[in-house]
């Protein structure tokens, strides 16, 4: 299945990498950039771009328990 995930896991911002799939306020986003100097994380979903400064980001997991990468 293409859009299937196996749960979520909270990860601190410094460990999140571009390409991971994240859950924020009930919507699924792709992490596009993590700027640790400014404490920003950019999330994309289609044409929506969201800049957040949360310390912990909820990341979707694949079948092996690793972060789901798009």
N, C-alpha and C. Protein backbone atom coordinates (compact mmCIF):
# COMPACT_ATOMS: atom_id res chain seq x y z
N UNK A 1 0.84 -1.18 0.00
CA UNK A 1 0.00 0.00 0.00
C UNK A 1 0.89 1.24 0.00
N UNK A 2 0.51 2.21 -0.77
CA UNK A 2 1.35 3.39 -0.95
C UNK A 2 1.25 4.35 0.22
N UNK A 3 0.06 4.62 0.70
CA UNK A 3 -0.13 5.66 1.72
C UNK A 3 -0.33 5.08 3.11
N UNK A 4 0.18 3.89 3.38
CA UNK A 4 -0.01 3.27 4.68
C UNK A 4 1.16 3.59 5.60
N UNK A 5 0.85 3.88 6.85
CA UNK A 5 1.89 4.07 7.85
C UNK A 5 1.55 3.24 9.07
N UNK A 6 2.52 3.05 9.94
CA UNK A 6 2.36 2.17 11.09
C UNK A 6 2.56 2.94 12.39
N UNK A 7 1.80 3.98 12.58
CA UNK A 7 1.86 4.74 13.81
C UNK A 7 2.73 5.98 13.69
N UNK A 8 2.90 6.64 14.81
CA UNK A 8 3.70 7.86 14.85
C UNK A 8 4.65 7.79 16.04
N UNK A 9 5.66 8.66 16.00
CA UNK A 9 6.62 8.74 17.09
C UNK A 9 7.09 10.18 17.21
N UNK A 10 7.10 10.74 18.41
CA UNK A 10 7.62 12.10 18.58
C UNK A 10 9.15 12.09 18.50
N UNK A 11 9.71 12.99 17.68
CA UNK A 11 11.15 13.10 17.50
C UNK A 11 11.53 14.57 17.71
N UNK A 12 12.66 14.81 18.38
CA UNK A 12 13.09 16.19 18.56
C UNK A 12 13.51 16.78 17.22
N UNK A 13 13.39 18.08 17.10
CA UNK A 13 13.59 18.78 15.83
C UNK A 13 14.98 18.52 15.24
N UNK A 14 16.01 18.42 16.06
CA UNK A 14 17.37 18.25 15.55
C UNK A 14 17.56 16.90 14.85
N UNK A 15 16.72 15.91 15.12
CA UNK A 15 16.84 14.59 14.50
C UNK A 15 15.93 14.41 13.28
N UNK A 16 15.08 15.37 13.00
CA UNK A 16 14.19 15.30 11.84
C UNK A 16 14.97 15.71 10.60
N UNK A 17 14.78 14.96 9.51
CA UNK A 17 15.49 15.22 8.26
C UNK A 17 14.50 15.54 7.15
N UNK A 18 14.93 16.31 6.15
CA UNK A 18 14.05 16.58 5.00
C UNK A 18 13.63 15.28 4.32
N UNK A 19 12.39 15.24 3.91
CA UNK A 19 11.83 14.06 3.26
C UNK A 19 10.97 13.21 4.17
N UNK A 20 11.11 13.37 5.48
CA UNK A 20 10.28 12.61 6.41
C UNK A 20 8.85 13.11 6.36
N UNK A 21 7.93 12.22 6.65
CA UNK A 21 6.52 12.58 6.71
C UNK A 21 6.15 12.89 8.16
N UNK A 22 5.52 14.04 8.38
CA UNK A 22 5.19 14.50 9.72
C UNK A 22 3.70 14.74 9.84
N UNK A 23 3.22 14.64 11.07
CA UNK A 23 1.82 14.90 11.39
C UNK A 23 1.77 16.16 12.24
N UNK A 24 1.01 17.17 11.77
CA UNK A 24 0.89 18.43 12.52
C UNK A 24 -0.55 18.89 12.46
N UNK A 25 -1.16 19.03 13.63
CA UNK A 25 -2.56 19.47 13.76
C UNK A 25 -3.51 18.64 12.91
N UNK A 26 -3.30 17.31 12.89
CA UNK A 26 -4.19 16.41 12.20
C UNK A 26 -3.96 16.26 10.71
N UNK A 27 -2.99 16.96 10.15
CA UNK A 27 -2.70 16.87 8.71
C UNK A 27 -1.31 16.27 8.51
N UNK A 28 -1.13 15.61 7.38
CA UNK A 28 0.15 15.00 7.04
C UNK A 28 0.93 15.94 6.15
N UNK A 29 2.20 16.15 6.49
CA UNK A 29 3.08 17.04 5.75
C UNK A 29 4.39 16.33 5.45
N UNK A 30 5.12 16.82 4.45
CA UNK A 30 6.47 16.38 4.16
C UNK A 30 7.43 17.44 4.69
N UNK A 31 8.42 17.02 5.45
CA UNK A 31 9.41 17.97 5.98
C UNK A 31 10.31 18.37 4.83
N UNK A 32 10.41 19.68 4.57
CA UNK A 32 11.22 20.13 3.44
C UNK A 32 12.55 20.72 3.89
N UNK A 33 12.60 21.32 5.07
CA UNK A 33 13.84 21.90 5.57
C UNK A 33 13.79 22.01 7.09
N UNK A 34 14.95 21.82 7.70
CA UNK A 34 15.09 22.00 9.15
C UNK A 34 16.25 22.96 9.35
N UNK A 35 15.94 24.14 9.89
CA UNK A 35 16.96 25.16 10.12
C UNK A 35 17.14 25.28 11.63
N UNK A 36 18.19 24.64 12.15
CA UNK A 36 18.40 24.60 13.60
C UNK A 36 18.86 25.92 14.17
N UNK A 37 19.57 26.75 13.39
CA UNK A 37 20.02 28.05 13.90
C UNK A 37 18.85 28.94 14.28
N UNK A 38 17.81 28.92 13.48
CA UNK A 38 16.62 29.74 13.72
C UNK A 38 15.50 28.97 14.40
N UNK A 39 15.71 27.68 14.62
CA UNK A 39 14.72 26.79 15.24
C UNK A 39 13.43 26.71 14.45
N UNK A 40 13.54 26.63 13.12
CA UNK A 40 12.37 26.52 12.25
C UNK A 40 12.39 25.18 11.54
N UNK A 41 11.19 24.69 11.28
CA UNK A 41 11.00 23.51 10.44
C UNK A 41 9.95 23.86 9.41
N UNK A 42 10.24 23.61 8.15
CA UNK A 42 9.30 23.88 7.07
C UNK A 42 8.60 22.60 6.68
N UNK A 43 7.27 22.66 6.60
CA UNK A 43 6.44 21.53 6.22
C UNK A 43 5.68 21.88 4.95
N UNK A 44 5.59 20.91 4.01
CA UNK A 44 4.86 21.11 2.77
C UNK A 44 3.77 20.07 2.63
N UNK A 45 2.63 20.49 2.11
CA UNK A 45 1.53 19.60 1.75
C UNK A 45 0.87 20.21 0.52
N UNK A 46 1.24 19.72 -0.64
CA UNK A 46 0.71 20.30 -1.88
C UNK A 46 1.22 21.71 -2.05
N UNK A 47 0.33 22.68 -2.06
CA UNK A 47 0.74 24.08 -2.19
C UNK A 47 0.86 24.77 -0.84
N UNK A 48 0.47 24.08 0.24
CA UNK A 48 0.57 24.65 1.58
C UNK A 48 2.00 24.54 2.09
N UNK A 49 2.54 25.65 2.57
CA UNK A 49 3.85 25.68 3.20
C UNK A 49 3.66 26.20 4.61
N UNK A 50 4.20 25.49 5.58
CA UNK A 50 4.01 25.84 6.98
C UNK A 50 5.37 25.91 7.65
N UNK A 51 5.62 26.98 8.39
CA UNK A 51 6.85 27.12 9.15
C UNK A 51 6.51 27.01 10.63
N UNK A 52 7.07 26.01 11.29
CA UNK A 52 6.78 25.81 12.70
C UNK A 52 8.08 25.88 13.50
N UNK A 53 7.95 26.14 14.79
CA UNK A 53 9.13 26.16 15.65
C UNK A 53 8.93 25.24 16.86
N UNK A 54 8.22 24.14 16.67
CA UNK A 54 8.01 23.16 17.73
C UNK A 54 9.31 22.44 18.05
N UNK A 55 9.51 22.09 19.30
CA UNK A 55 10.71 21.35 19.71
C UNK A 55 10.59 19.87 19.38
N UNK A 56 9.37 19.34 19.40
CA UNK A 56 9.12 17.93 19.12
C UNK A 56 8.14 17.84 17.96
N UNK A 57 8.47 16.99 16.98
CA UNK A 57 7.64 16.83 15.79
C UNK A 57 7.18 15.38 15.71
N UNK A 58 5.91 15.17 15.45
CA UNK A 58 5.32 13.84 15.34
C UNK A 58 5.60 13.31 13.93
N UNK A 59 6.36 12.21 13.84
CA UNK A 59 6.80 11.65 12.56
C UNK A 59 6.08 10.33 12.32
N UNK A 60 5.64 10.08 11.08
CA UNK A 60 5.00 8.83 10.72
C UNK A 60 6.05 7.73 10.59
N UNK A 61 5.66 6.49 10.92
CA UNK A 61 6.58 5.35 10.88
C UNK A 61 6.21 4.38 9.77
N UNK A 62 7.23 3.70 9.21
CA UNK A 62 6.98 2.67 8.21
C UNK A 62 6.81 1.32 8.92
N UNK A 63 6.75 0.24 8.17
CA UNK A 63 6.51 -1.09 8.73
C UNK A 63 7.62 -1.61 9.61
N UNK A 64 8.82 -1.08 9.49
CA UNK A 64 9.95 -1.52 10.31
C UNK A 64 10.15 -0.65 11.55
N UNK A 65 9.34 0.40 11.71
CA UNK A 65 9.47 1.30 12.85
C UNK A 65 10.39 2.47 12.60
N UNK A 66 10.87 2.61 11.35
CA UNK A 66 11.72 3.73 10.96
C UNK A 66 10.84 4.89 10.48
N UNK A 67 11.35 6.13 10.52
CA UNK A 67 10.57 7.25 9.99
C UNK A 67 10.23 7.05 8.51
N UNK A 68 9.00 7.33 8.15
CA UNK A 68 8.54 7.20 6.77
C UNK A 68 9.11 8.33 5.95
N UNK A 69 9.81 8.00 4.86
CA UNK A 69 10.44 9.00 4.01
C UNK A 69 9.74 8.99 2.66
N UNK A 70 9.39 10.18 2.20
CA UNK A 70 8.70 10.34 0.91
C UNK A 70 9.71 10.48 -0.18
